[in-house]
Amino acid sequence: MRFLAIIQVSEDLKYERIVPSKNKGEFEVGDWIIKANLDTNSPAAISLENKEGTVQFSSNVADEGGIAKLVAVVDGKKRIKTVEDTYPKSIISAAKRFK
């Protein structure tokens, strides 16, 4: 079973309405669309995109080797940042002791 928690933080205690879509695992929160794969029979993934199309985030981009990818338009230029999931060094070190 997978869970999705949407946490809103606000200084003035005003929060956006969370609107579930007819599409399973898709939600609209203010100017953002959140899509989450909650099916345990396939890899976990989440994506977020603002309605202006200037910011997009995707975890587990399958056709790019499972990386996480952030695409944002900053000062009129498209910026792309990627990161690959890795285990912390402490976990890698501990795992070597058990081989």
N, C-alpha and C. Protein backbone atom coordinates (compact mmCIF):
# COMPACT_ATOMS: atom_id res chain seq x y z
N MET A 1 0.85 -1.18 0.00
CA MET A 1 0.00 0.00 0.00
C MET A 1 0.90 1.24 0.00
N ARG A 2 0.55 2.21 -0.82
CA ARG A 2 1.28 3.47 -0.87
C ARG A 2 0.37 4.59 -0.41
N PHE A 3 0.98 5.59 0.18
CA PHE A 3 0.25 6.74 0.67
C PHE A 3 0.84 8.00 0.06
N LEU A 4 0.03 9.01 -0.11
CA LEU A 4 0.47 10.32 -0.55
C LEU A 4 -0.03 11.34 0.47
N ALA A 5 0.88 12.13 1.00
CA ALA A 5 0.51 13.20 1.92
C ALA A 5 0.84 14.53 1.25
N ILE A 6 -0.11 15.42 1.21
CA ILE A 6 0.11 16.76 0.68
C ILE A 6 0.11 17.70 1.87
N ILE A 7 1.26 18.31 2.12
CA ILE A 7 1.42 19.18 3.28
C ILE A 7 1.57 20.62 2.79
N GLN A 8 0.72 21.49 3.28
CA GLN A 8 0.78 22.89 2.92
C GLN A 8 1.30 23.68 4.11
N VAL A 9 2.19 24.62 3.83
CA VAL A 9 2.77 25.47 4.87
C VAL A 9 2.38 26.91 4.55
N SER A 10 1.87 27.62 5.54
CA SER A 10 1.41 28.99 5.30
C SER A 10 1.61 29.83 6.55
N GLU A 11 2.10 31.05 6.36
CA GLU A 11 2.27 31.96 7.49
C GLU A 11 0.93 32.53 7.95
N ASP A 12 -0.01 32.69 7.02
CA ASP A 12 -1.29 33.32 7.36
C ASP A 12 -2.43 32.32 7.52
N LEU A 13 -2.09 31.03 7.56
CA LEU A 13 -3.06 29.95 7.75
C LEU A 13 -4.12 29.89 6.64
N LYS A 14 -3.76 30.38 5.45
CA LYS A 14 -4.65 30.25 4.30
C LYS A 14 -4.09 29.14 3.42
N TYR A 15 -4.93 28.16 3.13
CA TYR A 15 -4.49 26.99 2.40
C TYR A 15 -5.30 26.82 1.12
N GLU A 16 -4.65 26.24 0.13
CA GLU A 16 -5.32 25.96 -1.14
C GLU A 16 -6.19 24.71 -0.99
N ARG A 17 -7.26 24.69 -1.70
CA ARG A 17 -8.13 23.52 -1.72
C ARG A 17 -7.44 22.40 -2.50
N ILE A 18 -7.50 21.18 -1.98
CA ILE A 18 -6.94 20.01 -2.66
C ILE A 18 -8.09 19.34 -3.41
N VAL A 19 -7.97 19.33 -4.74
CA VAL A 19 -9.05 18.80 -5.58
C VAL A 19 -8.57 17.53 -6.26
N PRO A 20 -9.15 16.38 -5.90
CA PRO A 20 -8.78 15.15 -6.59
C PRO A 20 -9.35 15.14 -8.01
N SER A 21 -8.59 14.62 -8.93
CA SER A 21 -9.02 14.51 -10.32
C SER A 21 -9.79 13.21 -10.52
N LYS A 22 -10.44 13.10 -11.66
CA LYS A 22 -11.08 11.83 -12.01
C LYS A 22 -10.02 10.78 -12.30
N ASN A 23 -8.81 11.24 -12.65
CA ASN A 23 -7.69 10.32 -12.88
C ASN A 23 -7.11 9.91 -11.53
N LYS A 24 -6.99 8.64 -11.31
CA LYS A 24 -6.49 8.12 -10.03
C LYS A 24 -5.07 8.63 -9.76
N GLY A 25 -4.83 9.11 -8.55
CA GLY A 25 -3.51 9.58 -8.16
C GLY A 25 -3.17 10.97 -8.65
N GLU A 26 -4.16 11.74 -9.13
CA GLU A 26 -3.90 13.09 -9.62
C GLU A 26 -4.70 14.09 -8.79
N PHE A 27 -4.01 15.19 -8.41
CA PHE A 27 -4.63 16.20 -7.55
C PHE A 27 -4.26 17.59 -8.05
N GLU A 28 -5.15 18.53 -7.83
CA GLU A 28 -4.89 19.92 -8.15
C GLU A 28 -4.87 20.68 -6.83
N VAL A 29 -3.78 21.43 -6.62
CA VAL A 29 -3.64 22.23 -5.41
C VAL A 29 -3.23 23.63 -5.84
N GLY A 30 -4.19 24.54 -5.83
CA GLY A 30 -3.91 25.90 -6.30
C GLY A 30 -3.47 25.87 -7.76
N ASP A 31 -2.30 26.40 -8.03
CA ASP A 31 -1.76 26.46 -9.39
C ASP A 31 -0.89 25.26 -9.73
N TRP A 32 -1.00 24.19 -8.96
CA TRP A 32 -0.14 23.02 -9.16
C TRP A 32 -0.96 21.77 -9.45
N ILE A 33 -0.39 20.91 -10.27
CA ILE A 33 -0.97 19.60 -10.54
C ILE A 33 0.02 18.55 -10.04
N ILE A 34 -0.47 17.66 -9.20
CA ILE A 34 0.36 16.61 -8.62
C ILE A 34 -0.14 15.27 -9.14
N LYS A 35 0.77 14.47 -9.65
CA LYS A 35 0.42 13.12 -10.10
C LYS A 35 1.32 12.14 -9.35
N ALA A 36 0.70 11.14 -8.73
CA ALA A 36 1.46 10.16 -7.96
C ALA A 36 1.04 8.75 -8.36
N ASN A 37 2.02 7.90 -8.58
CA ASN A 37 1.73 6.50 -8.86
C ASN A 37 1.60 5.78 -7.52
N LEU A 38 0.41 5.44 -7.16
CA LEU A 38 0.15 4.77 -5.89
C LEU A 38 -0.04 3.27 -6.05
N ASP A 39 0.17 2.78 -7.26
CA ASP A 39 0.03 1.35 -7.55
C ASP A 39 1.30 0.62 -7.11
N THR A 40 1.16 -0.30 -6.17
CA THR A 40 2.34 -1.01 -5.64
C THR A 40 2.89 -2.04 -6.62
N ASN A 41 2.19 -2.29 -7.71
CA ASN A 41 2.67 -3.24 -8.71
C ASN A 41 3.61 -2.60 -9.74
N SER A 42 3.86 -1.31 -9.60
CA SER A 42 4.78 -0.62 -10.50
C SER A 42 5.64 0.34 -9.69
N PRO A 43 6.74 0.81 -10.26
CA PRO A 43 7.65 1.68 -9.51
C PRO A 43 6.97 2.96 -8.99
N ALA A 44 7.36 3.36 -7.81
CA ALA A 44 6.83 4.60 -7.23
C ALA A 44 7.30 5.79 -8.07
N ALA A 45 6.43 6.78 -8.21
CA ALA A 45 6.79 7.98 -8.96
C ALA A 45 5.84 9.10 -8.58
N ILE A 46 6.35 10.32 -8.63
CA ILE A 46 5.52 11.49 -8.39
C ILE A 46 5.99 12.58 -9.35
N SER A 47 5.03 13.38 -9.81
CA SER A 47 5.39 14.52 -10.64
C SER A 47 4.53 15.71 -10.23
N LEU A 48 5.13 16.89 -10.35
CA LEU A 48 4.44 18.13 -10.03
C LEU A 48 4.70 19.10 -11.17
N GLU A 49 3.69 19.89 -11.50
CA GLU A 49 3.85 20.88 -12.55
C GLU A 49 2.95 22.06 -12.23
N ASN A 50 3.50 23.29 -12.38
CA ASN A 50 2.62 24.43 -12.19
C ASN A 50 1.85 24.68 -13.48
N LYS A 51 0.70 25.31 -13.36
CA LYS A 51 -0.18 25.49 -14.52
C LYS A 51 0.43 26.40 -15.57
N GLU A 52 1.37 27.26 -15.19
CA GLU A 52 2.05 28.13 -16.16
C GLU A 52 3.03 27.35 -17.02
N GLY A 53 3.40 26.16 -16.56
CA GLY A 53 4.35 25.33 -17.29
C GLY A 53 5.79 25.77 -17.12
N THR A 54 6.05 26.58 -16.10
CA THR A 54 7.41 27.08 -15.88
C THR A 54 8.21 26.24 -14.90
N VAL A 55 7.54 25.34 -14.19
CA VAL A 55 8.24 24.45 -13.25
C VAL A 55 7.64 23.05 -13.37
N GLN A 56 8.52 22.06 -13.52
CA GLN A 56 8.11 20.66 -13.57
C GLN A 56 9.11 19.84 -12.78
N PHE A 57 8.59 18.93 -11.97
CA PHE A 57 9.45 17.99 -11.24
C PHE A 57 8.91 16.59 -11.47
N SER A 58 9.83 15.67 -11.71
CA SER A 58 9.45 14.26 -11.85
C SER A 58 10.47 13.40 -11.12
N SER A 59 9.96 12.46 -10.33
CA SER A 59 10.85 11.48 -9.73
C SER A 59 10.81 10.24 -10.60
N ASN A 60 11.85 9.48 -10.58
CA ASN A 60 11.87 8.17 -11.25
C ASN A 60 11.49 8.27 -12.73
N VAL A 61 12.24 9.09 -13.48
CA VAL A 61 11.98 9.24 -14.92
C VAL A 61 12.51 7.99 -15.61
N ALA A 62 11.61 7.09 -15.95
CA ALA A 62 11.98 5.75 -16.44
C ALA A 62 12.83 5.79 -17.71
N ASP A 63 12.46 6.63 -18.68
CA ASP A 63 13.20 6.64 -19.94
C ASP A 63 14.55 7.35 -19.83
N GLU A 64 14.89 7.83 -18.63
CA GLU A 64 16.20 8.44 -18.40
C GLU A 64 16.93 7.72 -17.25
N GLY A 65 16.65 6.45 -17.06
CA GLY A 65 17.37 5.65 -16.08
C GLY A 65 16.89 5.80 -14.65
N GLY A 66 15.68 6.33 -14.45
CA GLY A 66 15.14 6.43 -13.09
C GLY A 66 15.59 7.65 -12.31
N ILE A 67 16.14 8.65 -12.98
CA ILE A 67 16.59 9.86 -12.29
C ILE A 67 15.42 10.71 -11.85
N ALA A 68 15.69 11.64 -10.95
CA ALA A 68 14.73 12.69 -10.61
C ALA A 68 15.14 13.92 -11.41
N LYS A 69 14.14 14.67 -11.91
CA LYS A 69 14.43 15.77 -12.82
C LYS A 69 13.58 16.99 -12.47
N LEU A 70 14.24 18.13 -12.38
CA LEU A 70 13.58 19.41 -12.15
C LEU A 70 13.85 20.30 -13.35
N VAL A 71 12.79 20.80 -13.96
CA VAL A 71 12.91 21.72 -15.09
C VAL A 71 12.21 23.01 -14.68
N ALA A 72 12.93 24.13 -14.73
CA ALA A 72 12.36 25.41 -14.34
C ALA A 72 12.82 26.50 -15.30
N VAL A 73 11.93 27.43 -15.56
CA VAL A 73 12.29 28.60 -16.36
C VAL A 73 12.67 29.69 -15.38
N VAL A 74 13.94 30.11 -15.44
CA VAL A 74 14.46 31.14 -14.55
C VAL A 74 15.03 32.26 -15.41
N ASP A 75 14.54 33.46 -15.21
CA ASP A 75 14.97 34.62 -16.00
C ASP A 75 14.85 34.34 -17.50
N GLY A 76 13.77 33.66 -17.88
CA GLY A 76 13.51 33.38 -19.29
C GLY A 76 14.30 32.23 -19.88
N LYS A 77 15.16 31.59 -19.08
CA LYS A 77 15.97 30.48 -19.57
C LYS A 77 15.55 29.19 -18.89
N LYS A 78 15.47 28.12 -19.68
CA LYS A 78 15.12 26.81 -19.14
C LYS A 78 16.33 26.22 -18.42
N ARG A 79 16.13 25.83 -17.17
CA ARG A 79 17.17 25.20 -16.36
C ARG A 79 16.74 23.78 -16.05
N ILE A 80 17.66 22.85 -16.19
CA ILE A 80 17.37 21.45 -15.90
C ILE A 80 18.37 20.93 -14.88
N LYS A 81 17.85 20.35 -13.82
CA LYS A 81 18.68 19.72 -12.78
C LYS A 81 18.24 18.27 -12.65
N THR A 82 19.19 17.38 -12.58
CA THR A 82 18.87 15.97 -12.40
C THR A 82 19.69 15.40 -11.24
N VAL A 83 19.17 14.33 -10.67
CA VAL A 83 19.89 13.65 -9.60
C VAL A 83 19.50 12.18 -9.65
N GLU A 84 20.45 11.34 -9.33
CA GLU A 84 20.22 9.90 -9.32
C GLU A 84 20.14 9.43 -7.88
N ASP A 85 19.22 8.53 -7.60
CA ASP A 85 19.11 7.97 -6.25
C ASP A 85 20.34 7.12 -5.94
N THR A 86 20.91 7.36 -4.79
CA THR A 86 22.04 6.56 -4.33
C THR A 86 21.88 6.31 -2.83
N TYR A 87 22.51 5.25 -2.37
CA TYR A 87 22.49 4.96 -0.95
C TYR A 87 23.51 5.86 -0.25
N PRO A 88 23.24 6.25 1.00
CA PRO A 88 24.22 7.01 1.77
C PRO A 88 25.49 6.17 1.99
N LYS A 89 26.63 6.84 2.10
CA LYS A 89 27.91 6.15 2.29
C LYS A 89 27.90 5.23 3.51
N SER A 90 27.20 5.65 4.57
CA SER A 90 27.16 4.82 5.78
C SER A 90 26.46 3.49 5.51
N ILE A 91 25.42 3.49 4.68
CA ILE A 91 24.70 2.26 4.35
C ILE A 91 25.58 1.37 3.47
N ILE A 92 26.25 1.96 2.51
CA ILE A 92 27.15 1.20 1.64
C ILE A 92 28.26 0.54 2.46
N SER A 93 28.83 1.31 3.40
CA SER A 93 29.89 0.79 4.25
C SER A 93 29.39 -0.35 5.13
N ALA A 94 28.21 -0.18 5.71
CA ALA A 94 27.65 -1.22 6.58
C ALA A 94 27.33 -2.48 5.78
N ALA A 95 26.84 -2.32 4.57
CA ALA A 95 26.49 -3.47 3.73
C ALA A 95 27.72 -4.29 3.37
N LYS A 96 28.88 -3.64 3.22
CA LYS A 96 30.11 -4.35 2.88
C LYS A 96 30.54 -5.29 4.00
N ARG A 97 30.20 -4.97 5.24
CA ARG A 97 30.58 -5.80 6.38
C ARG A 97 29.83 -7.12 6.39
N PHE A 98 28.70 -7.19 5.71
CA PHE A 98 27.87 -8.38 5.72
C PHE A 98 28.09 -9.27 4.50
N LYS A 99 29.02 -8.90 3.64
CA LYS A 99 29.29 -9.71 2.45
C LYS A 99 30.29 -10.80 2.75
